[in-house]
Amino acid sequence: MQRNFLAVILFVLVIQLHFPIIVSGQYVKDIPSAFKALHSEPEVFMIENEIKVPTKSGHFQGVQLIEQDGRKKLLISGSSLSKSYLLQVDFESQKSEKIIVLMEDPYRHAGGIQASDTFLAVGIEDNFAKTTSKVCLYNIHDKSFENSNPIIKIDRFGEEKRYTAGALGLLKMENEFLAVVGNWDCRNWDFYQIDPDQDKHKMVHSFEAPKDWGSYQSINLIKDQEAIYAIGFYQKEKRGFADLILVSKLGEFKAIMEKVDSKAFHCKNNVDFNGAAGLQVDKKGKLHIWSTQKYSEKKIAISSYSQQ
């Protein structure tokens, strides 16, 4: 028995060495309580950057903290005049590492992003014509990620601003993924069920946001014991805001779409929720919000707002 147990442990270790785990936790025991417990004051990190980041006619759009080869990495999406991209930052050394170009003109605008399980969801749009976008899932566990080859690509097109994809959330469910796509200023939210293994997807709900909701630049999904929630991020003057929205109870998806809480955050060092913002759940089940400044410099400010 002991020999079999040791064999299993050895097998797991070998698998982890050859296939490094990259996971974004998205489960919190009680989301409304965790949201209320977030600090309004940030912990600020200054990232050393020697990379020429193409922010001309664009800016940073979304941020996610992941783990790769046992090291924490920040993925920051961005838009520019000619291309959409991700800036990868090694958080351990607090240095930028590389640029991953996602698509070229006209798909020059990569919006808000979210990592779930081994996938990263990115909405990429033509922000000039505003009539077309692509919802892309990249396997960040695979080398195809660096080659910008999405394993799922949903093409969206239609009337101006309606089928853009400026904000994108992704949540691992029991047998599939739930994605939410926010269009221009997130006036409409489109929900998709996605099965990456079968290369299938279908829209399950479309929602028109109330006029008093924020102009969210990023939307992230999260769940607790009872329900699925979204957190939408936006900025007013020098304060960042996050709205907590009840999306659906667990089980069969039935949209509720009720804003249940809102919280303001103090922004320092030009950090801007209208630039990149995103949530993270750590291994202890604690909620964190990350945000960056909008434009690339030799020092890039990153703020973390953590659950008390």
C-alpha atoms as a PDB file:
ATOM      1  CA  MET A   1       0.000   0.000   0.000  1.00  0.00           C
ATOM      2  CA  GLN A   2       2.754   2.452   0.967  1.00  0.00           C
ATOM      3  CA  ARG A   3       4.671   1.595  -2.217  1.00  0.00           C
ATOM      4  CA  ASN A   4       1.584   2.343  -4.346  1.00  0.00           C
ATOM      5  CA  PHE A   5       1.043   5.643  -2.529  1.00  0.00           C
ATOM      6  CA  LEU A   6       4.650   6.689  -3.159  1.00  0.00           C
ATOM      7  CA  ALA A   7       4.287   5.734  -6.807  1.00  0.00           C
ATOM      8  CA  VAL A   8       1.230   7.969  -7.146  1.00  0.00           C
ATOM      9  CA  ILE A   9       3.060  10.892  -5.506  1.00  0.00           C
ATOM     10  CA  LEU A  10       6.030  10.399  -7.837  1.00  0.00           C
ATOM     11  CA  PHE A  11       3.715  10.301 -10.840  1.00  0.00           C
ATOM     12  CA  VAL A  12       2.043  13.584  -9.815  1.00  0.00           C
ATOM     13  CA  LEU A  13       5.432  15.257  -9.340  1.00  0.00           C
ATOM     14  CA  VAL A  14       6.600  14.122 -12.763  1.00  0.00           C
ATOM     15  CA  ILE A  15       3.402  15.433 -14.365  1.00  0.00           C
ATOM     16  CA  GLN A  16       3.815  18.801 -12.655  1.00  0.00           C
ATOM     17  CA  LEU A  17       7.430  19.082 -13.816  1.00  0.00           C
ATOM     18  CA  HIS A  18       6.530  18.386 -17.426  1.00  0.00           C
ATOM     19  CA  PHE A  19       3.214  20.211 -17.453  1.00  0.00           C
ATOM     20  CA  PRO A  20       3.443  23.266 -15.179  1.00  0.00           C
ATOM     21  CA  ILE A  21       0.158  24.218 -13.593  1.00  0.00           C
ATOM     22  CA  ILE A  22      -1.348  27.552 -14.553  1.00  0.00           C
ATOM     23  CA  VAL A  23      -4.587  28.120 -12.696  1.00  0.00           C
ATOM     24  CA  SER A  24      -6.700  31.143 -11.881  1.00  0.00           C
ATOM     25  CA  GLY A  25      -8.838  30.478  -8.819  1.00  0.00           C
ATOM     26  CA  GLN A  26     -12.355  31.877  -9.098  1.00  0.00           C
ATOM     27  CA  TYR A  27     -14.131  30.474  -6.042  1.00  0.00           C
ATOM     28  CA  VAL A  28     -14.739  32.415  -2.845  1.00  0.00           C
ATOM     29  CA  LYS A  29     -16.861  31.030  -0.012  1.00  0.00           C
ATOM     30  CA  ASP A  30     -19.006  34.160   0.345  1.00  0.00           C
ATOM     31  CA  ILE A  31     -18.496  36.740  -2.394  1.00  0.00           C
ATOM     32  CA  PRO A  32     -20.604  39.625  -0.997  1.00  0.00           C
ATOM     33  CA  SER A  33     -18.700  39.441   2.310  1.00  0.00           C
ATOM     34  CA  ALA A  34     -15.332  39.172   0.560  1.00  0.00           C
ATOM     35  CA  PHE A  35     -16.177  42.136  -1.661  1.00  0.00           C
ATOM     36  CA  LYS A  36     -17.085  44.301   1.357  1.00  0.00           C
ATOM     37  CA  ALA A  37     -13.808  43.284   3.037  1.00  0.00           C
ATOM     38  CA  LEU A  38     -11.579  44.575   0.207  1.00  0.00           C
ATOM     39  CA  HIS A  39      -9.167  47.296   1.295  1.00  0.00           C
ATOM     40  CA  SER A  40      -9.747  50.651  -0.423  1.00  0.00           C
ATOM     41  CA  GLU A  41      -6.069  51.543  -0.058  1.00  0.00           C
ATOM     42  CA  PRO A  42      -3.625  49.778  -2.406  1.00  0.00           C
ATOM     43  CA  GLU A  43      -0.317  48.049  -2.088  1.00  0.00           C
ATOM     44  CA  VAL A  44       1.720  49.531  -4.955  1.00  0.00           C
ATOM     45  CA  PHE A  45       4.415  47.720  -6.945  1.00  0.00           C
ATOM     46  CA  MET A  46       6.686  49.409  -9.478  1.00  0.00           C
ATOM     47  CA  ILE A  47       7.565  47.167 -12.432  1.00  0.00           C
ATOM     48  CA  GLU A  48      10.839  47.730 -14.270  1.00  0.00           C
ATOM     49  CA  ASN A  49      10.174  47.896 -17.987  1.00  0.00           C
ATOM     50  CA  GLU A  50      12.743  48.013 -20.786  1.00  0.00           C
ATOM     51  CA  ILE A  51      10.327  46.849 -23.489  1.00  0.00           C
ATOM     52  CA  LYS A  52       8.979  49.275 -26.061  1.00  0.00           C
ATOM     53  CA  VAL A  53       5.273  48.657 -25.543  1.00  0.00           C
ATOM     54  CA  PRO A  54       3.077  49.790 -28.476  1.00  0.00           C
ATOM     55  CA  THR A  55       0.631  52.030 -26.614  1.00  0.00           C
ATOM     56  CA  LYS A  56       0.454  54.738 -29.336  1.00  0.00           C
ATOM     57  CA  SER A  57      -3.232  55.494 -29.959  1.00  0.00           C
ATOM     58  CA  GLY A  58      -4.099  52.922 -27.284  1.00  0.00           C
ATOM     59  CA  HIS A  59      -3.433  51.890 -23.695  1.00  0.00           C
ATOM     60  CA  PHE A  60      -3.419  48.988 -21.241  1.00  0.00           C
ATOM     61  CA  GLN A  61      -6.846  47.339 -21.030  1.00  0.00           C
ATOM     62  CA  GLY A  62      -6.926  44.346 -18.671  1.00  0.00           C
ATOM     63  CA  VAL A  63      -4.746  42.527 -16.144  1.00  0.00           C
ATOM     64  CA  GLN A  64      -4.622  39.016 -14.682  1.00  0.00           C
ATOM     65  CA  LEU A  65      -2.273  37.364 -12.199  1.00  0.00           C
ATOM     66  CA  ILE A  66      -1.450  33.752 -13.078  1.00  0.00           C
ATOM     67  CA  GLU A  67       1.104  31.179 -11.970  1.00  0.00           C
ATOM     68  CA  GLN A  68       3.530  29.663 -14.462  1.00  0.00           C
ATOM     69  CA  ASP A  69       6.377  27.286 -13.655  1.00  0.00           C
ATOM     70  CA  GLY A  70       5.890  28.104 -10.001  1.00  0.00           C
ATOM     71  CA  ARG A  71       6.314  31.857 -10.568  1.00  0.00           C
ATOM     72  CA  LYS A  72       3.692  34.576 -10.469  1.00  0.00           C
ATOM     73  CA  LYS A  73       3.137  36.367 -13.762  1.00  0.00           C
ATOM     74  CA  LEU A  74       1.030  39.346 -14.714  1.00  0.00           C
ATOM     75  CA  LEU A  75      -0.611  39.387 -18.136  1.00  0.00           C
ATOM     76  CA  ILE A  76      -1.588  42.908 -19.235  1.00  0.00           C
ATOM     77  CA  SER A  77      -3.631  43.327 -22.406  1.00  0.00           C
ATOM     78  CA  GLY A  78      -3.339  46.408 -24.548  1.00  0.00           C
ATOM     79  CA  SER A  79      -4.414  48.278 -27.657  1.00  0.00           C
ATOM     80  CA  SER A  80      -2.434  50.374 -30.117  1.00  0.00           C
ATOM     81  CA  LEU A  81      -2.593  51.966 -33.550  1.00  0.00           C
ATOM     82  CA  SER A  82      -1.601  48.765 -35.345  1.00  0.00           C
ATOM     83  CA  LYS A  83      -1.831  45.685 -33.095  1.00  0.00           C
ATOM     84  CA  SER A  84      -3.382  44.076 -30.031  1.00  0.00           C
ATOM     85  CA  TYR A  85      -1.016  42.456 -27.552  1.00  0.00           C
ATOM     86  CA  LEU A  86      -0.220  41.124 -24.100  1.00  0.00           C
ATOM     87  CA  LEU A  87       2.642  42.378 -21.952  1.00  0.00           C
ATOM     88  CA  GLN A  88       3.940  39.557 -19.747  1.00  0.00           C
ATOM     89  CA  VAL A  89       5.497  40.586 -16.426  1.00  0.00           C
ATOM     90  CA  ASP A  90       7.465  38.381 -14.046  1.00  0.00           C
ATOM     91  CA  PHE A  91       5.993  39.430 -10.734  1.00  0.00           C
ATOM     92  CA  GLU A  92       8.691  37.706  -8.680  1.00  0.00           C
ATOM     93  CA  SER A  93      11.458  39.905 -10.134  1.00  0.00           C
ATOM     94  CA  GLN A  94       8.996  42.765 -10.873  1.00  0.00           C
ATOM     95  CA  LYS A  95      10.322  43.089 -14.421  1.00  0.00           C
ATOM     96  CA  SER A  96       8.542  42.993 -17.770  1.00  0.00           C
ATOM     97  CA  GLU A  97       9.493  39.948 -19.863  1.00  0.00           C
ATOM     98  CA  LYS A  98       8.006  40.060 -23.342  1.00  0.00           C
ATOM     99  CA  ILE A  99       5.272  41.209 -25.684  1.00  0.00           C
ATOM    100  CA  ILE A 100       2.905  38.649 -27.197  1.00  0.00           C
ATOM    101  CA  VAL A 101       1.256  40.112 -30.309  1.00  0.00           C
ATOM    102  CA  LEU A 102      -2.283  38.758 -30.590  1.00  0.00           C
ATOM    103  CA  MET A 103      -3.606  40.261 -33.835  1.00  0.00           C
ATOM    104  CA  GLU A 104      -2.737  42.987 -36.311  1.00  0.00           C
ATOM    105  CA  ASP A 105      -4.758  45.883 -37.739  1.00  0.00           C
ATOM    106  CA  PRO A 106      -7.783  46.093 -37.854  1.00  0.00           C
ATOM    107  CA  TYR A 107      -8.035  43.913 -34.718  1.00  0.00           C
ATOM    108  CA  ARG A 108      -5.833  46.333 -32.838  1.00  0.00           C
ATOM    109  CA  HIS A 109      -7.793  46.576 -29.569  1.00  0.00           C
ATOM    110  CA  ALA A 110      -7.455  43.837 -26.933  1.00  0.00           C
ATOM    111  CA  GLY A 111      -9.827  44.713 -24.098  1.00  0.00           C
ATOM    112  CA  GLY A 112     -10.404  43.391 -20.584  1.00  0.00           C
ATOM    113  CA  ILE A 113      -9.256  39.802 -20.015  1.00  0.00           C
ATOM    114  CA  GLN A 114      -9.739  36.914 -17.598  1.00  0.00           C
ATOM    115  CA  ALA A 115      -7.875  33.671 -16.908  1.00  0.00           C
ATOM    116  CA  SER A 116      -9.820  30.558 -15.912  1.00  0.00           C
ATOM    117  CA  ASP A 117      -8.347  27.094 -15.435  1.00  0.00           C
ATOM    118  CA  THR A 118      -5.695  26.907 -18.191  1.00  0.00           C
ATOM    119  CA  PHE A 119      -7.392  29.390 -20.520  1.00  0.00           C
ATOM    120  CA  LEU A 120      -7.161  33.124 -21.067  1.00  0.00           C
ATOM    121  CA  ALA A 121     -10.151  34.888 -22.608  1.00  0.00           C
ATOM    122  CA  VAL A 122      -9.465  38.021 -24.659  1.00  0.00           C
ATOM    123  CA  GLY A 123     -11.872  40.182 -26.627  1.00  0.00           C
ATOM    124  CA  ILE A 124     -10.190  41.703 -29.685  1.00  0.00           C
ATOM    125  CA  GLU A 125     -11.991  44.322 -31.761  1.00  0.00           C
ATOM    126  CA  ASP A 126     -11.741  46.809 -34.580  1.00  0.00           C
ATOM    127  CA  ASN A 127     -12.140  49.912 -32.445  1.00  0.00           C
ATOM    128  CA  PHE A 128     -12.234  52.236 -35.465  1.00  0.00           C
ATOM    129  CA  ALA A 129     -15.144  50.759 -37.439  1.00  0.00           C
ATOM    130  CA  LYS A 130     -16.673  49.332 -34.220  1.00  0.00           C
ATOM    131  CA  THR A 131     -18.606  46.706 -36.200  1.00  0.00           C
ATOM    132  CA  THR A 132     -16.596  43.528 -35.635  1.00  0.00           C
ATOM    133  CA  SER A 133     -14.733  41.654 -32.919  1.00  0.00           C
ATOM    134  CA  LYS A 134     -13.346  38.257 -32.009  1.00  0.00           C
ATOM    135  CA  VAL A 135     -13.719  36.442 -28.697  1.00  0.00           C
ATOM    136  CA  CYS A 136     -10.586  34.324 -28.274  1.00  0.00           C
ATOM    137  CA  LEU A 137      -9.637  31.607 -25.793  1.00  0.00           C
ATOM    138  CA  TYR A 138      -5.924  30.876 -25.557  1.00  0.00           C
ATOM    139  CA  ASN A 139      -4.499  27.813 -23.830  1.00  0.00           C
ATOM    140  CA  ILE A 140      -1.817  29.410 -21.662  1.00  0.00           C
ATOM    141  CA  HIS A 141      -0.608  25.904 -20.837  1.00  0.00           C
ATOM    142  CA  ASP A 142       0.427  25.349 -24.448  1.00  0.00           C
ATOM    143  CA  LYS A 143       3.119  26.789 -26.735  1.00  0.00           C
ATOM    144  CA  SER A 144       0.385  27.874 -29.132  1.00  0.00           C
ATOM    145  CA  PHE A 145      -0.294  30.696 -26.677  1.00  0.00           C
ATOM    146  CA  GLU A 146       2.988  32.437 -27.524  1.00  0.00           C
ATOM    147  CA  ASN A 147       2.183  31.928 -31.209  1.00  0.00           C
ATOM    148  CA  SER A 148      -1.175  33.657 -30.638  1.00  0.00           C
ATOM    149  CA  ASN A 149      -3.226  30.703 -31.861  1.00  0.00           C
ATOM    150  CA  PRO A 150      -6.592  30.664 -30.048  1.00  0.00           C
ATOM    151  CA  ILE A 151      -8.240  27.300 -29.477  1.00  0.00           C
ATOM    152  CA  ILE A 152     -11.677  28.949 -29.630  1.00  0.00           C
ATOM    153  CA  LYS A 153     -12.554  31.976 -31.749  1.00  0.00           C
ATOM    154  CA  ILE A 154     -16.037  33.466 -31.845  1.00  0.00           C
ATOM    155  CA  ASP A 155     -16.591  35.987 -34.632  1.00  0.00           C
ATOM    156  CA  ARG A 156     -18.954  38.854 -33.867  1.00  0.00           C
ATOM    157  CA  PHE A 157     -20.165  41.473 -36.350  1.00  0.00           C
ATOM    158  CA  GLY A 158     -23.124  43.765 -36.853  1.00  0.00           C
ATOM    159  CA  GLU A 159     -24.297  47.281 -36.087  1.00  0.00           C
ATOM    160  CA  GLU A 160     -21.776  49.835 -34.841  1.00  0.00           C
ATOM    161  CA  LYS A 161     -20.716  49.353 -31.191  1.00  0.00           C
ATOM    162  CA  ARG A 162     -23.194  46.482 -30.604  1.00  0.00           C
ATOM    163  CA  TYR A 163     -20.840  43.591 -31.388  1.00  0.00           C
ATOM    164  CA  THR A 164     -17.550  44.898 -30.087  1.00  0.00           C
ATOM    165  CA  ALA A 165     -15.801  43.048 -27.241  1.00  0.00           C
ATOM    166  CA  GLY A 166     -14.153  45.588 -24.976  1.00  0.00           C
ATOM    167  CA  ALA A 167     -14.563  43.515 -21.805  1.00  0.00           C
ATOM    168  CA  LEU A 168     -14.470  39.748 -21.391  1.00  0.00           C
ATOM    169  CA  GLY A 169     -14.984  37.427 -18.425  1.00  0.00           C
ATOM    170  CA  LEU A 170     -14.489  33.664 -18.237  1.00  0.00           C
ATOM    171  CA  LEU A 171     -15.551  31.201 -15.530  1.00  0.00           C
ATOM    172  CA  LYS A 172     -14.900  27.452 -15.278  1.00  0.00           C
ATOM    173  CA  MET A 173     -18.109  25.610 -14.525  1.00  0.00           C
ATOM    174  CA  GLU A 174     -18.579  21.884 -13.934  1.00  0.00           C
ATOM    175  CA  ASN A 175     -18.398  20.656 -17.538  1.00  0.00           C
ATOM    176  CA  GLU A 176     -17.845  23.817 -19.567  1.00  0.00           C
ATOM    177  CA  PHE A 177     -17.028  27.520 -19.348  1.00  0.00           C
ATOM    178  CA  LEU A 178     -19.275  30.535 -19.009  1.00  0.00           C
ATOM    179  CA  ALA A 179     -18.094  33.659 -20.821  1.00  0.00           C
ATOM    180  CA  VAL A 180     -19.501  37.172 -20.757  1.00  0.00           C
ATOM    181  CA  VAL A 181     -18.744  39.711 -23.489  1.00  0.00           C
ATOM    182  CA  GLY A 182     -19.310  43.403 -22.868  1.00  0.00           C
ATOM    183  CA  ASN A 183     -19.642  45.583 -25.951  1.00  0.00           C
ATOM    184  CA  TRP A 184     -18.825  49.306 -26.311  1.00  0.00           C
ATOM    185  CA  ASP A 185     -18.832  50.735 -22.743  1.00  0.00           C
ATOM    186  CA  CYS A 186     -20.578  47.475 -21.731  1.00  0.00           C
ATOM    187  CA  ARG A 187     -24.041  48.660 -22.709  1.00  0.00           C
ATOM    188  CA  ASN A 188     -24.854  45.049 -23.669  1.00  0.00           C
ATOM    189  CA  TRP A 189     -23.684  41.834 -22.019  1.00  0.00           C
ATOM    190  CA  ASP A 190     -23.710  38.628 -24.101  1.00  0.00           C
ATOM    191  CA  PHE A 191     -23.276  35.317 -22.273  1.00  0.00           C
ATOM    192  CA  TYR A 192     -21.841  32.232 -23.975  1.00  0.00           C
ATOM    193  CA  GLN A 193     -21.448  28.626 -22.896  1.00  0.00           C
ATOM    194  CA  ILE A 194     -18.161  27.320 -24.289  1.00  0.00           C
ATOM    195  CA  ASP A 195     -16.852  23.753 -24.520  1.00  0.00           C
ATOM    196  CA  PRO A 196     -13.169  23.980 -25.569  1.00  0.00           C
ATOM    197  CA  ASP A 197     -12.801  20.195 -25.834  1.00  0.00           C
ATOM    198  CA  GLN A 198     -15.591  19.967 -28.391  1.00  0.00           C
ATOM    199  CA  ASP A 199     -14.819  23.350 -29.991  1.00  0.00           C
ATOM    200  CA  LYS A 200     -18.429  24.393 -29.405  1.00  0.00           C
ATOM    201  CA  HIS A 201     -20.095  27.523 -28.152  1.00  0.00           C
ATOM    202  CA  LYS A 202     -23.565  29.015 -27.955  1.00  0.00           C
ATOM    203  CA  MET A 203     -25.027  32.287 -26.748  1.00  0.00           C
ATOM    204  CA  VAL A 204     -27.360  31.688 -23.808  1.00  0.00           C
ATOM    205  CA  HIS A 205     -28.407  35.200 -22.828  1.00  0.00           C
ATOM    206  CA  SER A 206     -28.143  38.831 -23.884  1.00  0.00           C
ATOM    207  CA  PHE A 207     -28.692  41.686 -21.447  1.00  0.00           C
ATOM    208  CA  GLU A 208     -28.994  45.436 -21.929  1.00  0.00           C
ATOM    209  CA  ALA A 209     -27.415  47.245 -18.993  1.00  0.00           C
ATOM    210  CA  PRO A 210     -29.391  49.920 -17.113  1.00  0.00           C
ATOM    211  CA  LYS A 211     -28.359  53.491 -17.893  1.00  0.00           C
ATOM    212  CA  ASP A 212     -27.105  54.052 -14.343  1.00  0.00           C
ATOM    213  CA  TRP A 213     -24.573  51.198 -14.543  1.00  0.00           C
ATOM    214  CA  GLY A 214     -20.917  52.084 -14.980  1.00  0.00           C
ATOM    215  CA  SER A 215     -19.067  52.288 -18.267  1.00  0.00           C
ATOM    216  CA  TYR A 216     -17.129  49.135 -17.401  1.00  0.00           C
ATOM    217  CA  GLN A 217     -13.753  48.726 -19.052  1.00  0.00           C
ATOM    218  CA  SER A 218     -13.238  45.230 -17.622  1.00  0.00           C
ATOM    219  CA  ILE A 219     -15.680  42.563 -16.403  1.00  0.00           C
ATOM    220  CA  ASN A 220     -14.578  39.454 -14.480  1.00  0.00           C
ATOM    221  CA  LEU A 221     -16.655  36.470 -13.354  1.00  0.00           C
ATOM    222  CA  ILE A 222     -16.448  34.699  -9.987  1.00  0.00           C
ATOM    223  CA  LYS A 223     -18.584  32.226  -8.002  1.00  0.00           C
ATOM    224  CA  ASP A 224     -19.288  31.173  -4.432  1.00  0.00           C
ATOM    225  CA  GLN A 225     -21.332  28.405  -2.814  1.00  0.00           C
ATOM    226  CA  GLU A 226     -24.604  29.686  -4.192  1.00  0.00           C
ATOM    227  CA  ALA A 227     -24.216  31.963  -7.182  1.00  0.00           C
ATOM    228  CA  ILE A 228     -22.225  33.456 -10.061  1.00  0.00           C
ATOM    229  CA  TYR A 229     -21.209  37.109  -9.823  1.00  0.00           C
ATOM    230  CA  ALA A 230     -19.546  39.639 -12.101  1.00  0.00           C
ATOM    231  CA  ILE A 231     -17.347  42.520 -11.028  1.00  0.00           C
ATOM    232  CA  GLY A 232     -17.260  45.505 -13.371  1.00  0.00           C
ATOM    233  CA  PHE A 233     -14.439  48.061 -13.183  1.00  0.00           C
ATOM    234  CA  TYR A 234     -14.415  51.746 -14.132  1.00  0.00           C
ATOM    235  CA  GLN A 235     -12.875  55.081 -13.101  1.00  0.00           C
ATOM    236  CA  LYS A 236     -14.187  58.485 -12.016  1.00  0.00           C
ATOM    237  CA  GLU A 237     -11.575  61.195 -11.638  1.00  0.00           C
ATOM    238  CA  LYS A 238      -8.896  59.730  -9.329  1.00  0.00           C
ATOM    239  CA  ARG A 239     -11.006  56.972  -7.817  1.00  0.00           C
ATOM    240  CA  GLY A 240     -11.464  53.475  -9.147  1.00  0.00           C
ATOM    241  CA  PHE A 241     -14.825  51.760  -8.794  1.00  0.00           C
ATOM    242  CA  ALA A 242     -15.947  48.145  -8.782  1.00  0.00           C
ATOM    243  CA  ASP A 243     -19.598  47.087  -9.008  1.00  0.00           C
ATOM    244  CA  LEU A 244     -20.666  43.654  -7.770  1.00  0.00           C
ATOM    245  CA  ILE A 245     -23.401  42.144  -9.936  1.00  0.00           C
ATOM    246  CA  LEU A 246     -25.389  38.985  -9.190  1.00  0.00           C
ATOM    247  CA  VAL A 247     -25.468  37.121 -12.510  1.00  0.00           C
ATOM    248  CA  SER A 248     -27.197  33.792 -11.811  1.00  0.00           C
ATOM    249  CA  LYS A 249     -27.657  31.150  -9.178  1.00  0.00           C
ATOM    250  CA  LEU A 250     -25.518  28.035  -9.615  1.00  0.00           C
ATOM    251  CA  GLY A 251     -26.926  25.191 -11.688  1.00  0.00           C
ATOM    252  CA  GLU A 252     -28.922  25.982 -14.805  1.00  0.00           C
ATOM    253  CA  PHE A 253     -28.033  29.478 -16.042  1.00  0.00           C
ATOM    254  CA  LYS A 254     -30.908  31.867 -15.382  1.00  0.00           C
ATOM    255  CA  ALA A 255     -29.877  35.498 -15.611  1.00  0.00           C
ATOM    256  CA  ILE A 256     -30.678  37.746 -12.630  1.00  0.00           C
ATOM    257  CA  MET A 257     -28.351  40.683 -13.424  1.00  0.00           C
ATOM    258  CA  GLU A 258     -28.801  42.688 -10.223  1.00  0.00           C
ATOM    259  CA  LYS A 259     -26.218  45.152  -8.948  1.00  0.00           C
ATOM    260  CA  VAL A 260     -25.844  44.309  -5.275  1.00  0.00           C
ATOM    261  CA  ASP A 261     -22.876  46.418  -4.129  1.00  0.00           C
ATOM    262  CA  SER A 262     -20.359  49.032  -5.223  1.00  0.00           C
ATOM    263  CA  LYS A 263     -17.002  50.033  -3.811  1.00  0.00           C
ATOM    264  CA  ALA A 264     -14.546  52.884  -4.395  1.00  0.00           C
ATOM    265  CA  PHE A 265     -10.758  52.491  -4.383  1.00  0.00           C
ATOM    266  CA  HIS A 266      -7.983  55.030  -3.927  1.00  0.00           C
ATOM    267  CA  CYS A 267      -5.704  55.150  -6.983  1.00  0.00           C
ATOM    268  CA  LYS A 268      -2.037  56.147  -6.679  1.00  0.00           C
ATOM    269  CA  ASN A 269       0.847  56.562  -9.161  1.00  0.00           C
ATOM    270  CA  ASN A 270      -1.564  57.118 -12.086  1.00  0.00           C
ATOM    271  CA  VAL A 271      -3.178  53.703 -11.643  1.00  0.00           C
ATOM    272  CA  ASP A 272      -6.477  53.854 -13.519  1.00  0.00           C
ATOM    273  CA  PHE A 273      -9.426  51.421 -13.495  1.00  0.00           C
ATOM    274  CA  ASN A 274     -10.283  52.714 -16.975  1.00  0.00           C
ATOM    275  CA  GLY A 275      -6.993  51.136 -17.983  1.00  0.00           C
ATOM    276  CA  ALA A 276      -6.299  47.623 -16.800  1.00  0.00           C
ATOM    277  CA  ALA A 277      -8.188  46.064 -13.894  1.00  0.00           C
ATOM    278  CA  GLY A 278      -9.017  42.490 -12.931  1.00  0.00           C
ATOM    279  CA  LEU A 279      -9.699  40.160 -10.025  1.00  0.00           C
ATOM    280  CA  GLN A 280      -7.758  37.269  -8.527  1.00  0.00           C
ATOM    281  CA  VAL A 281      -8.542  34.651  -5.903  1.00  0.00           C
ATOM    282  CA  ASP A 282      -5.469  33.346  -4.075  1.00  0.00           C
ATOM    283  CA  LYS A 283      -4.862  29.797  -2.861  1.00  0.00           C
ATOM    284  CA  LYS A 284      -6.419  30.664   0.510  1.00  0.00           C
ATOM    285  CA  GLY A 285      -9.648  31.746  -1.146  1.00  0.00           C
ATOM    286  CA  LYS A 286      -9.029  35.466  -0.578  1.00  0.00           C
ATOM    287  CA  LEU A 287     -10.180  38.025  -3.124  1.00  0.00           C
ATOM    288  CA  HIS A 288      -7.819  40.580  -4.677  1.00  0.00           C
ATOM    289  CA  ILE A 289      -8.210  43.316  -7.301  1.00  0.00           C
ATOM    290  CA  TRP A 290      -5.302  44.337  -9.534  1.00  0.00           C
ATOM    291  CA  SER A 291      -4.977  47.494 -11.594  1.00  0.00           C
ATOM    292  CA  THR A 292      -2.311  49.309 -13.602  1.00  0.00           C
ATOM    293  CA  GLN A 293      -1.640  52.713 -15.064  1.00  0.00           C
ATOM    294  CA  LYS A 294      -2.974  53.257 -18.591  1.00  0.00           C
ATOM    295  CA  TYR A 295       0.280  53.908 -20.454  1.00  0.00           C
ATOM    296  CA  SER A 296       3.633  52.183 -20.610  1.00  0.00           C
ATOM    297  CA  GLU A 297       6.712  53.801 -19.075  1.00  0.00           C
ATOM    298  CA  LYS A 298      10.094  52.613 -17.780  1.00  0.00           C
ATOM    299  CA  LYS A 299       8.364  52.100 -14.439  1.00  0.00           C
ATOM    300  CA  ILE A 300       4.831  50.656 -14.559  1.00  0.00           C
ATOM    301  CA  ALA A 301       2.702  51.057 -11.452  1.00  0.00           C
ATOM    302  CA  ILE A 302       0.667  48.040 -10.344  1.00  0.00           C
ATOM    303  CA  SER A 303      -1.825  48.264  -7.461  1.00  0.00           C
ATOM    304  CA  SER A 304      -3.259  45.398  -5.437  1.00  0.00           C
ATOM    305  CA  TYR A 305      -6.363  45.760  -3.267  1.00  0.00           C
ATOM    306  CA  SER A 306      -6.707  42.769  -0.945  1.00  0.00           C
ATOM    307  CA  GLN A 307      -9.398  41.275   1.215  1.00  0.00           C
ATOM    308  CA  GLN A 308      -8.954  42.051   4.901  1.00  0.00           C
END
